Amino acid sequence: MNDIQVFHDQPMQVGESPLWHPHEAVLYWVDIDGFAVHRKDPKTGEHRQFDMDSEPCAIGIHATGGLVVARRDGFIHLDTHSGAATKIADAPYDTATTRFNDGRVDPAGRFWVGTRYEPGDKPVAEMYVLERGKVHRAWSGNMTNSNGLAFTPSGDAMYHADTTTHRIDRYDFDALTGKARNVLPFQRFDTDKQASGYGGRPDGAAVDSEGAYWCAMFEGARILRFSPIGKLLQEITLPVQCPTMIAFGGDDLRTLYITSASGKRPEAEKARLPLTGQVLALRVDVPGRAEHVYEPS
């Protein structure tokens, strides 16, 4: 059994987008509804919080230092020394109904970020790409809550989840052109939340050095590891009901960091699972991979 530890004990409302920064040897993550980006050094315990005036949703390592942050109001460059935020691009959607959600940098240095359509009554979420400071739309529709972005070690395929429909897809990916094509089903999960075997819905994800896809199952209190052909390899039960995303970190990339959500969760659930909303960590056998870096020019 994996020994699960508490990495950060301050509950996040919607903890998301954990990101290991190999040069700084620290973990970054966001609290979306808490309007903050967090940074913590696992060796010293030093913690820093960067307050935002718009919800931070996804982050990536910026090639010139600091982070690229996708917020509800658009993309910014966050200087993590001074805390200064510089606008890169405005949001390409109606911020009254939509915000960015899950994102990841691809092998060519583009920052892919999907949206969440908050009314949730129709599948009109979109996928955007920040490329060299310019935003373009990769696709639109057939999803309501974009999640689970991850790239294979070879960079020839991309995974993507729509949390609302409980599905994960796999695309052929061309890193040179940035095109995702030929979508194929990868996983489909039960959508009946009242079913006795309901195991949650796919949220954030990561791919390890063997090409296995790790997925946080929101409401399912577990993480799943799948082979590249979709075979279930491992299931880890968690002491939180709503894990949101995972990241590999540490000097050997064998520490799995897990964010979770406490906002809008029932009080009975938080009493039963007191680690709800906290950032967890555990050691795994297979290391992850260093994240790609956003290239601004």
C-alpha atoms as a PDB file:
ATOM      1  CA  MET A   1       0.000   0.000   0.000  1.00  0.00           C
ATOM      2  CA  ASN A   2       1.219   3.473  -0.860  1.00  0.00           C
ATOM      3  CA  ASP A   3       2.057   5.632   2.150  1.00  0.00           C
ATOM      4  CA  ILE A   4       0.083   8.826   1.595  1.00  0.00           C
ATOM      5  CA  GLN A   5       1.436  11.953   3.261  1.00  0.00           C
ATOM      6  CA  VAL A   6       0.091  15.485   3.677  1.00  0.00           C
ATOM      7  CA  PHE A   7       2.263  17.874   1.673  1.00  0.00           C
ATOM      8  CA  HIS A   8       0.285  21.036   2.455  1.00  0.00           C
ATOM      9  CA  ASP A   9      -2.394  21.067   5.131  1.00  0.00           C
ATOM     10  CA  GLN A  10      -4.212  24.294   4.222  1.00  0.00           C
ATOM     11  CA  PRO A  11      -7.434  23.155   2.501  1.00  0.00           C
ATOM     12  CA  MET A  12      -7.878  24.453  -1.040  1.00  0.00           C
ATOM     13  CA  GLN A  13     -11.342  25.348  -2.268  1.00  0.00           C
ATOM     14  CA  VAL A  14     -10.487  23.950  -5.699  1.00  0.00           C
ATOM     15  CA  GLY A  15      -6.864  22.845  -5.665  1.00  0.00           C
ATOM     16  CA  GLU A  16      -5.670  22.243  -9.233  1.00  0.00           C
ATOM     17  CA  SER A  17      -2.798  22.167 -11.708  1.00  0.00           C
ATOM     18  CA  PRO A  18       0.080  20.881  -9.535  1.00  0.00           C
ATOM     19  CA  LEU A  19       3.368  21.544 -11.350  1.00  0.00           C
ATOM     20  CA  TRP A  20       6.867  20.473 -10.358  1.00  0.00           C
ATOM     21  CA  HIS A  21       9.506  23.050 -11.268  1.00  0.00           C
ATOM     22  CA  PRO A  22      12.754  21.064 -11.664  1.00  0.00           C
ATOM     23  CA  HIS A  23      15.123  24.051 -11.611  1.00  0.00           C
ATOM     24  CA  GLU A  24      13.618  25.521  -8.453  1.00  0.00           C
ATOM     25  CA  ALA A  25      12.874  22.076  -6.931  1.00  0.00           C
ATOM     26  CA  VAL A  26       9.480  23.292  -5.704  1.00  0.00           C
ATOM     27  CA  LEU A  27       5.833  22.461  -6.316  1.00  0.00           C
ATOM     28  CA  TYR A  28       3.433  25.053  -7.686  1.00  0.00           C
ATOM     29  CA  TRP A  29      -0.347  24.663  -7.781  1.00  0.00           C
ATOM     30  CA  VAL A  30      -3.469  26.830  -7.889  1.00  0.00           C
ATOM     31  CA  ASP A  31      -6.604  27.267  -5.837  1.00  0.00           C
ATOM     32  CA  ILE A  32      -9.095  28.318  -8.499  1.00  0.00           C
ATOM     33  CA  ASP A  33     -11.911  29.540  -6.267  1.00  0.00           C
ATOM     34  CA  GLY A  34      -9.349  30.796  -3.765  1.00  0.00           C
ATOM     35  CA  PHE A  35      -7.881  33.162  -6.399  1.00  0.00           C
ATOM     36  CA  ALA A  36      -4.295  32.146  -5.621  1.00  0.00           C
ATOM     37  CA  VAL A  37      -1.193  30.448  -6.992  1.00  0.00           C
ATOM     38  CA  HIS A  38       0.803  28.532  -4.379  1.00  0.00           C
ATOM     39  CA  ARG A  39       4.473  27.556  -4.160  1.00  0.00           C
ATOM     40  CA  LYS A  40       6.076  25.207  -1.647  1.00  0.00           C
ATOM     41  CA  ASP A  41       9.585  23.863  -1.156  1.00  0.00           C
ATOM     42  CA  PRO A  42       9.376  20.223   0.027  1.00  0.00           C
ATOM     43  CA  LYS A  43      12.830  20.371   1.638  1.00  0.00           C
ATOM     44  CA  THR A  44      12.417  23.549   3.689  1.00  0.00           C
ATOM     45  CA  GLY A  45       8.643  23.700   3.971  1.00  0.00           C
ATOM     46  CA  GLU A  46       8.708  27.318   2.818  1.00  0.00           C
ATOM     47  CA  HIS A  47       5.325  28.300   1.370  1.00  0.00           C
ATOM     48  CA  ARG A  48       4.391  31.354  -0.674  1.00  0.00           C
ATOM     49  CA  GLN A  49       1.021  32.463  -1.968  1.00  0.00           C
ATOM     50  CA  PHE A  50       0.467  34.711  -4.987  1.00  0.00           C
ATOM     51  CA  ASP A  51      -2.987  36.295  -4.776  1.00  0.00           C
ATOM     52  CA  MET A  52      -4.781  36.835  -8.079  1.00  0.00           C
ATOM     53  CA  ASP A  53      -7.577  39.211  -9.093  1.00  0.00           C
ATOM     54  CA  SER A  54      -8.994  36.610 -11.492  1.00  0.00           C
ATOM     55  CA  GLU A  55      -9.285  32.853 -10.965  1.00  0.00           C
ATOM     56  CA  PRO A  56      -6.036  31.045 -11.894  1.00  0.00           C
ATOM     57  CA  CYS A  57      -6.944  27.788 -13.597  1.00  0.00           C
ATOM     58  CA  ALA A  58      -3.837  26.198 -15.135  1.00  0.00           C
ATOM     59  CA  ILE A  59      -0.110  26.895 -15.009  1.00  0.00           C
ATOM     60  CA  GLY A  60       3.046  26.046 -16.943  1.00  0.00           C
ATOM     61  CA  ILE A  61       6.741  26.786 -16.663  1.00  0.00           C
ATOM     62  CA  HIS A  62       7.690  29.940 -18.588  1.00  0.00           C
ATOM     63  CA  ALA A  63      10.971  29.768 -20.528  1.00  0.00           C
ATOM     64  CA  THR A  64      12.140  33.192 -19.312  1.00  0.00           C
ATOM     65  CA  GLY A  65      11.387  32.394 -15.662  1.00  0.00           C
ATOM     66  CA  GLY A  66       8.284  32.280 -13.553  1.00  0.00           C
ATOM     67  CA  LEU A  67       5.013  30.817 -14.774  1.00  0.00           C
ATOM     68  CA  VAL A  68       2.516  31.172 -17.571  1.00  0.00           C
ATOM     69  CA  VAL A  69      -0.936  31.260 -15.958  1.00  0.00           C
ATOM     70  CA  ALA A  70      -4.302  30.734 -17.626  1.00  0.00           C
ATOM     71  CA  ARG A  71      -6.878  32.744 -15.661  1.00  0.00           C
ATOM     72  CA  ARG A  72     -10.542  33.456 -16.277  1.00  0.00           C
ATOM     73  CA  ASP A  73      -9.576  36.821 -17.789  1.00  0.00           C
ATOM     74  CA  GLY A  74      -6.810  35.462 -20.041  1.00  0.00           C
ATOM     75  CA  PHE A  75      -3.137  34.545 -19.948  1.00  0.00           C
ATOM     76  CA  ILE A  76      -0.500  36.212 -17.791  1.00  0.00           C
ATOM     77  CA  HIS A  77       3.221  35.819 -17.113  1.00  0.00           C
ATOM     78  CA  LEU A  78       3.711  35.573 -13.344  1.00  0.00           C
ATOM     79  CA  ASP A  79       7.099  36.700 -12.047  1.00  0.00           C
ATOM     80  CA  THR A  80       7.486  34.388  -9.065  1.00  0.00           C
ATOM     81  CA  HIS A  81      10.222  36.507  -7.528  1.00  0.00           C
ATOM     82  CA  SER A  82       8.410  39.845  -7.458  1.00  0.00           C
ATOM     83  CA  GLY A  83       4.869  38.541  -7.771  1.00  0.00           C
ATOM     84  CA  ALA A  84       4.213  40.873 -10.717  1.00  0.00           C
ATOM     85  CA  ALA A  85       1.699  39.723 -13.325  1.00  0.00           C
ATOM     86  CA  THR A  86       2.066  40.788 -16.965  1.00  0.00           C
ATOM     87  CA  LYS A  87      -0.825  40.267 -19.398  1.00  0.00           C
ATOM     88  CA  ILE A  88      -0.038  38.070 -22.394  1.00  0.00           C
ATOM     89  CA  ALA A  89      -3.489  37.783 -23.986  1.00  0.00           C
ATOM     90  CA  ASP A  90      -7.121  38.405 -23.099  1.00  0.00           C
ATOM     91  CA  ALA A  91      -9.640  35.596 -22.698  1.00  0.00           C
ATOM     92  CA  PRO A  92     -11.099  34.577 -26.083  1.00  0.00           C
ATOM     93  CA  TYR A  93     -14.574  33.821 -24.667  1.00  0.00           C
ATOM     94  CA  ASP A  94     -17.394  35.307 -22.588  1.00  0.00           C
ATOM     95  CA  THR A  95     -15.994  35.392 -19.052  1.00  0.00           C
ATOM     96  CA  ALA A  96     -19.507  35.628 -17.599  1.00  0.00           C
ATOM     97  CA  THR A  97     -20.204  31.999 -18.509  1.00  0.00           C
ATOM     98  CA  THR A  98     -16.805  30.472 -19.192  1.00  0.00           C
ATOM     99  CA  ARG A  99     -13.366  30.139 -17.693  1.00  0.00           C
ATOM    100  CA  PHE A 100     -10.193  28.266 -18.520  1.00  0.00           C
ATOM    101  CA  ASN A 101      -9.756  24.928 -16.797  1.00  0.00           C
ATOM    102  CA  ASP A 102      -7.120  22.220 -17.280  1.00  0.00           C
ATOM    103  CA  GLY A 103      -3.973  22.848 -19.337  1.00  0.00           C
ATOM    104  CA  ARG A 104      -0.503  21.612 -20.244  1.00  0.00           C
ATOM    105  CA  VAL A 105       2.480  22.675 -22.370  1.00  0.00           C
ATOM    106  CA  ASP A 106       3.187  20.482 -25.401  1.00  0.00           C
ATOM    107  CA  PRO A 107       6.614  19.289 -26.659  1.00  0.00           C
ATOM    108  CA  ALA A 108       6.968  22.339 -28.937  1.00  0.00           C
ATOM    109  CA  GLY A 109       6.334  24.858 -26.161  1.00  0.00           C
ATOM    110  CA  ARG A 110       2.669  25.635 -26.840  1.00  0.00           C
ATOM    111  CA  PHE A 111       0.302  25.993 -23.856  1.00  0.00           C
ATOM    112  CA  TRP A 112      -2.925  24.069 -24.420  1.00  0.00           C
ATOM    113  CA  VAL A 113      -5.838  25.025 -22.167  1.00  0.00           C
ATOM    114  CA  GLY A 114      -9.453  23.912 -22.417  1.00  0.00           C
ATOM    115  CA  THR A 115     -12.448  25.737 -21.005  1.00  0.00           C
ATOM    116  CA  ARG A 116     -15.285  24.979 -18.637  1.00  0.00           C
ATOM    117  CA  TYR A 117     -18.751  26.134 -19.652  1.00  0.00           C
ATOM    118  CA  GLU A 118     -20.180  26.899 -16.225  1.00  0.00           C
ATOM    119  CA  PRO A 119     -23.939  26.689 -16.880  1.00  0.00           C
ATOM    120  CA  GLY A 120     -23.225  23.097 -17.863  1.00  0.00           C
ATOM    121  CA  ASP A 121     -26.410  22.788 -19.909  1.00  0.00           C
ATOM    122  CA  LYS A 122     -24.788  22.249 -23.308  1.00  0.00           C
ATOM    123  CA  PRO A 123     -21.458  20.940 -24.663  1.00  0.00           C
ATOM    124  CA  VAL A 124     -19.938  24.191 -25.903  1.00  0.00           C
ATOM    125  CA  ALA A 125     -16.573  24.226 -24.124  1.00  0.00           C
ATOM    126  CA  GLU A 126     -13.525  24.876 -26.309  1.00  0.00           C
ATOM    127  CA  MET A 127      -9.839  24.083 -26.572  1.00  0.00           C
ATOM    128  CA  TYR A 128      -7.369  26.945 -27.004  1.00  0.00           C
ATOM    129  CA  VAL A 129      -3.646  27.111 -27.624  1.00  0.00           C
ATOM    130  CA  LEU A 130      -1.300  29.893 -26.544  1.00  0.00           C
ATOM    131  CA  GLU A 131       1.491  29.837 -29.112  1.00  0.00           C
ATOM    132  CA  ARG A 132       4.266  32.426 -29.060  1.00  0.00           C
ATOM    133  CA  GLY A 133       2.004  34.925 -27.313  1.00  0.00           C
ATOM    134  CA  LYS A 134      -0.977  34.460 -29.647  1.00  0.00           C
ATOM    135  CA  VAL A 135      -4.176  32.549 -28.864  1.00  0.00           C
ATOM    136  CA  HIS A 136      -5.977  30.348 -31.367  1.00  0.00           C
ATOM    137  CA  ARG A 137      -8.808  27.865 -31.028  1.00  0.00           C
ATOM    138  CA  ALA A 138      -7.988  24.207 -31.630  1.00  0.00           C
ATOM    139  CA  TRP A 139     -11.561  22.909 -31.512  1.00  0.00           C
ATOM    140  CA  SER A 140     -14.996  23.732 -30.163  1.00  0.00           C
ATOM    141  CA  GLY A 141     -17.875  21.735 -28.715  1.00  0.00           C
ATOM    142  CA  ASN A 142     -18.516  18.106 -27.775  1.00  0.00           C
ATOM    143  CA  MET A 143     -17.434  18.871 -24.209  1.00  0.00           C
ATOM    144  CA  THR A 144     -18.551  20.909 -21.228  1.00  0.00           C
ATOM    145  CA  ASN A 145     -15.612  20.654 -18.801  1.00  0.00           C
ATOM    146  CA  SER A 146     -12.247  20.181 -20.510  1.00  0.00           C
ATOM    147  CA  ASN A 147      -9.766  18.164 -18.460  1.00  0.00           C
ATOM    148  CA  GLY A 148      -7.106  15.470 -18.401  1.00  0.00           C
ATOM    149  CA  LEU A 149      -4.644  16.939 -20.926  1.00  0.00           C
ATOM    150  CA  ALA A 150      -1.439  14.930 -21.236  1.00  0.00           C
ATOM    151  CA  PHE A 151       1.070  14.009 -23.938  1.00  0.00           C
ATOM    152  CA  THR A 152       2.822  10.696 -24.535  1.00  0.00           C
ATOM    153  CA  PRO A 153       6.612  10.545 -23.967  1.00  0.00           C
ATOM    154  CA  SER A 154       7.184  10.406 -27.739  1.00  0.00           C
ATOM    155  CA  GLY A 155       4.863  13.362 -28.278  1.00  0.00           C
ATOM    156  CA  ASP A 156       2.863  11.525 -30.952  1.00  0.00           C
ATOM    157  CA  ALA A 157      -0.407  11.345 -28.997  1.00  0.00           C
ATOM    158  CA  MET A 158      -2.466  13.538 -26.708  1.00  0.00           C
ATOM    159  CA  TYR A 159      -5.010  12.527 -24.065  1.00  0.00           C
ATOM    160  CA  HIS A 160      -8.027  14.627 -23.199  1.00  0.00           C
ATOM    161  CA  ALA A 161     -11.010  14.159 -20.874  1.00  0.00           C
ATOM    162  CA  ASP A 162     -14.452  15.702 -20.651  1.00  0.00           C
ATOM    163  CA  THR A 163     -15.355  15.412 -16.977  1.00  0.00           C
ATOM    164  CA  THR A 164     -19.059  16.011 -17.603  1.00  0.00           C
ATOM    165  CA  THR A 165     -19.496  12.997 -19.886  1.00  0.00           C
ATOM    166  CA  HIS A 166     -17.046  10.840 -17.898  1.00  0.00           C
ATOM    167  CA  ARG A 167     -14.886  10.074 -20.919  1.00  0.00           C
ATOM    168  CA  ILE A 168     -11.204  10.138 -21.871  1.00  0.00           C
ATOM    169  CA  ASP A 169     -10.104  10.288 -25.521  1.00  0.00           C
ATOM    170  CA  ARG A 170      -6.769   9.822 -27.241  1.00  0.00           C
ATOM    171  CA  TYR A 171      -5.710  11.846 -30.284  1.00  0.00           C
ATOM    172  CA  ASP A 172      -2.907  11.439 -32.776  1.00  0.00           C
ATOM    173  CA  PHE A 173      -0.715  14.481 -32.228  1.00  0.00           C
ATOM    174  CA  ASP A 174       1.799  16.212 -34.496  1.00  0.00           C
ATOM    175  CA  ALA A 175       4.153  18.277 -32.341  1.00  0.00           C
ATOM    176  CA  LEU A 176       5.583  20.047 -35.405  1.00  0.00           C
ATOM    177  CA  THR A 177       2.255  21.452 -36.565  1.00  0.00           C
ATOM    178  CA  GLY A 178       0.382  21.326 -33.259  1.00  0.00           C
ATOM    179  CA  LYS A 179      -2.514  19.417 -34.803  1.00  0.00           C
ATOM    180  CA  ALA A 180      -4.571  16.836 -32.891  1.00  0.00           C
ATOM    181  CA  ARG A 181      -6.474  14.404 -35.140  1.00  0.00           C
ATOM    182  CA  ASN A 182      -8.106  10.988 -35.289  1.00  0.00           C
ATOM    183  CA  VAL A 183      -9.785  10.943 -31.896  1.00  0.00           C
ATOM    184  CA  LEU A 184     -10.328   7.469 -30.429  1.00  0.00           C
ATOM    185  CA  PRO A 185     -12.090   6.439 -27.209  1.00  0.00           C
ATOM    186  CA  PHE A 186      -9.644   5.640 -24.411  1.00  0.00           C
ATOM    187  CA  GLN A 187     -11.851   5.228 -21.318  1.00  0.00           C
ATOM    188  CA  ARG A 188     -15.545   5.539 -20.544  1.00  0.00           C
ATOM    189  CA  PHE A 189     -16.829   5.612 -16.958  1.00  0.00           C
ATOM    190  CA  ASP A 190     -20.281   5.072 -15.478  1.00  0.00           C
ATOM    191  CA  THR A 191     -22.287   8.311 -15.407  1.00  0.00           C
ATOM    192  CA  ASP A 192     -24.867   7.070 -12.893  1.00  0.00           C
ATOM    193  CA  LYS A 193     -23.826   8.727  -9.640  1.00  0.00           C
ATOM    194  CA  GLN A 194     -26.451   6.741  -7.749  1.00  0.00           C
ATOM    195  CA  ALA A 195     -25.040   3.394  -8.833  1.00  0.00           C
ATOM    196  CA  SER A 196     -23.454   1.308  -6.092  1.00  0.00           C
ATOM    197  CA  GLY A 197     -20.205   0.983  -8.030  1.00  0.00           C
ATOM    198  CA  TYR A 198     -19.879   4.640  -9.019  1.00  0.00           C
ATOM    199  CA  GLY A 199     -16.182   5.462  -9.036  1.00  0.00           C
ATOM    200  CA  GLY A 200     -16.032   9.131  -9.908  1.00  0.00           C
ATOM    201  CA  ARG A 201     -15.363  11.085 -13.088  1.00  0.00           C
ATOM    202  CA  PRO A 202     -12.053  11.816 -14.818  1.00  0.00           C
ATOM    203  CA  ASP A 203     -10.345  15.050 -13.814  1.00  0.00           C
ATOM    204  CA  GLY A 204      -6.675  16.074 -14.150  1.00  0.00           C
ATOM    205  CA  ALA A 205      -4.004  13.667 -15.334  1.00  0.00           C
ATOM    206  CA  ALA A 206      -0.336  13.026 -16.078  1.00  0.00           C
ATOM    207  CA  VAL A 207       1.735  10.534 -18.072  1.00  0.00           C
ATOM    208  CA  ASP A 208       4.720   8.734 -16.549  1.00  0.00           C
ATOM    209  CA  SER A 209       8.042   7.716 -18.105  1.00  0.00           C
ATOM    210  CA  GLU A 210       6.613   4.368 -19.239  1.00  0.00           C
ATOM    211  CA  GLY A 211       3.791   6.112 -21.084  1.00  0.00           C
ATOM    212  CA  ALA A 212       1.097   5.153 -18.579  1.00  0.00           C
ATOM    213  CA  TYR A 213      -1.760   7.614 -18.067  1.00  0.00           C
ATOM    214  CA  TRP A 214      -2.584   8.532 -14.457  1.00  0.00           C
ATOM    215  CA  CYS A 215      -6.013  10.045 -13.836  1.00  0.00           C
ATOM    216  CA  ALA A 216      -7.542  11.651 -10.740  1.00  0.00           C
ATOM    217  CA  MET A 217     -11.142  10.493 -10.316  1.00  0.00           C
ATOM    218  CA  PHE A 218     -13.173  13.392  -8.919  1.00  0.00           C
ATOM    219  CA  GLU A 219     -15.804  12.141  -6.438  1.00  0.00           C
ATOM    220  CA  GLY A 220     -14.220   8.698  -6.675  1.00  0.00           C
ATOM    221  CA  ALA A 221     -11.547   9.028  -3.939  1.00  0.00           C
ATOM    222  CA  ARG A 222      -8.998   7.313  -6.145  1.00  0.00           C
ATOM    223  CA  ILE A 223      -6.311   7.580  -8.799  1.00  0.00           C
ATOM    224  CA  LEU A 224      -6.153   5.202 -11.751  1.00  0.00           C
ATOM    225  CA  ARG A 225      -3.128   4.238 -13.859  1.00  0.00           C
ATOM    226  CA  PHE A 226      -3.755   2.957 -17.395  1.00  0.00           C
ATOM    227  CA  SER A 227      -1.423   1.459 -19.978  1.00  0.00           C
ATOM    228  CA  PRO A 228      -1.172   3.221 -23.380  1.00  0.00           C
ATOM    229  CA  ILE A 229      -3.767   0.756 -24.728  1.00  0.00           C
ATOM    230  CA  GLY A 230      -6.185   1.451 -21.878  1.00  0.00           C
ATOM    231  CA  LYS A 231      -5.556  -1.515 -19.571  1.00  0.00           C
ATOM    232  CA  LEU A 232      -6.007  -0.699 -15.879  1.00  0.00           C
ATOM    233  CA  LEU A 233      -2.627  -1.198 -14.220  1.00  0.00           C
ATOM    234  CA  GLN A 234      -3.099   0.285 -10.756  1.00  0.00           C
ATOM    235  CA  GLU A 235      -5.694   1.866  -8.491  1.00  0.00           C
ATOM    236  CA  ILE A 236      -4.784   3.964  -5.463  1.00  0.00           C
ATOM    237  CA  THR A 237      -7.466   4.766  -2.895  1.00  0.00           C
ATOM    238  CA  LEU A 238      -7.201   8.255  -1.402  1.00  0.00           C
ATOM    239  CA  PRO A 239      -8.331   9.851   1.892  1.00  0.00           C
ATOM    240  CA  VAL A 240     -10.126  12.623  -0.058  1.00  0.00           C
ATOM    241  CA  GLN A 241     -13.319  12.245  -2.071  1.00  0.00           C
ATOM    242  CA  CYS A 242     -12.423  14.733  -4.792  1.00  0.00           C
ATOM    243  CA  PRO A 243      -8.847  14.525  -6.070  1.00  0.00           C
ATOM    244  CA  THR A 244      -8.465  16.978  -8.933  1.00  0.00           C
ATOM    245  CA  MET A 245      -5.063  16.523 -10.569  1.00  0.00           C
ATOM    246  CA  ILE A 246      -1.655  14.908 -10.133  1.00  0.00           C
ATOM    247  CA  ALA A 247       1.969  15.777 -10.877  1.00  0.00           C
ATOM    248  CA  PHE A 248       5.256  13.921 -10.651  1.00  0.00           C
ATOM    249  CA  GLY A 249       7.975  15.680  -8.702  1.00  0.00           C
ATOM    250  CA  GLY A 250      10.985  15.395  -6.464  1.00  0.00           C
ATOM    251  CA  ASP A 251      14.588  14.953  -7.577  1.00  0.00           C
ATOM    252  CA  ASP A 252      13.805  11.537  -9.079  1.00  0.00           C
ATOM    253  CA  LEU A 253      10.260  12.422 -10.263  1.00  0.00           C
ATOM    254  CA  ARG A 254       8.893   9.547  -8.171  1.00  0.00           C
ATOM    255  CA  THR A 255       6.842  11.664  -5.773  1.00  0.00           C
ATOM    256  CA  LEU A 256       3.238  11.922  -6.899  1.00  0.00           C
ATOM    257  CA  TYR A 257       1.595  15.150  -5.749  1.00  0.00           C
ATOM    258  CA  ILE A 258      -2.210  15.258  -5.615  1.00  0.00           C
ATOM    259  CA  THR A 259      -4.431  18.317  -5.329  1.00  0.00           C
ATOM    260  CA  SER A 260      -8.011  18.098  -4.087  1.00  0.00           C
ATOM    261  CA  ALA A 261     -11.125  20.194  -3.599  1.00  0.00           C
ATOM    262  CA  SER A 262     -13.070  21.147  -0.467  1.00  0.00           C
ATOM    263  CA  GLY A 263     -15.339  23.869  -1.843  1.00  0.00           C
ATOM    264  CA  LYS A 264     -19.044  23.002  -1.989  1.00  0.00           C
ATOM    265  CA  ARG A 265     -18.371  19.571  -0.476  1.00  0.00           C
ATOM    266  CA  PRO A 266     -20.829  18.308   2.175  1.00  0.00           C
ATOM    267  CA  GLU A 267     -19.869  18.963   5.785  1.00  0.00           C
ATOM    268  CA  ALA A 268     -20.389  15.279   6.571  1.00  0.00           C
ATOM    269  CA  GLU A 269     -17.851  14.377   3.911  1.00  0.00           C
ATOM    270  CA  LYS A 270     -15.271  16.811   5.290  1.00  0.00           C
ATOM    271  CA  ALA A 271     -15.819  15.440   8.793  1.00  0.00           C
ATOM    272  CA  ARG A 272     -15.353  11.871   7.551  1.00  0.00           C
ATOM    273  CA  LEU A 273     -12.357  12.776   5.374  1.00  0.00           C
ATOM    274  CA  PRO A 274     -10.484  15.529   7.265  1.00  0.00           C
ATOM    275  CA  LEU A 275      -7.746  15.818   4.610  1.00  0.00           C
ATOM    276  CA  THR A 276     -10.296  17.111   2.092  1.00  0.00           C
ATOM    277  CA  GLY A 277      -8.877  19.990   0.048  1.00  0.00           C
ATOM    278  CA  GLN A 278      -5.287  19.419   1.130  1.00  0.00           C
ATOM    279  CA  VAL A 279      -2.320  18.644  -1.128  1.00  0.00           C
ATOM    280  CA  LEU A 280      -1.155  15.049  -0.706  1.00  0.00           C
ATOM    281  CA  ALA A 281       1.997  13.195  -1.724  1.00  0.00           C
ATOM    282  CA  LEU A 282       3.041   9.595  -2.136  1.00  0.00           C
ATOM    283  CA  ARG A 283       5.975   7.679  -3.550  1.00  0.00           C
ATOM    284  CA  VAL A 284       5.524   5.621  -6.721  1.00  0.00           C
ATOM    285  CA  ASP A 285       7.669   3.004  -8.435  1.00  0.00           C
ATOM    286  CA  VAL A 286       7.709   4.475 -11.933  1.00  0.00           C
ATOM    287  CA  PRO A 287       9.017   8.036 -12.310  1.00  0.00           C
ATOM    288  CA  GLY A 288       7.211  10.730 -14.220  1.00  0.00           C
ATOM    289  CA  ARG A 289       8.690  13.090 -16.781  1.00  0.00           C
ATOM    290  CA  ALA A 290       9.773  16.727 -16.593  1.00  0.00           C
ATOM    291  CA  GLU A 291       7.095  19.094 -17.927  1.00  0.00           C
ATOM    292  CA  HIS A 292       7.635  20.932 -21.174  1.00  0.00           C
ATOM    293  CA  VAL A 293       8.321  24.672 -21.033  1.00  0.00           C
ATOM    294  CA  TYR A 294       6.200  27.405 -22.607  1.00  0.00           C
ATOM    295  CA  GLU A 295       8.174  29.310 -25.255  1.00  0.00           C
ATOM    296  CA  PRO A 296       7.034  32.950 -25.585  1.00  0.00           C
ATOM    297  CA  SER A 297       8.828  33.595 -28.871  1.00  0.00           C
END
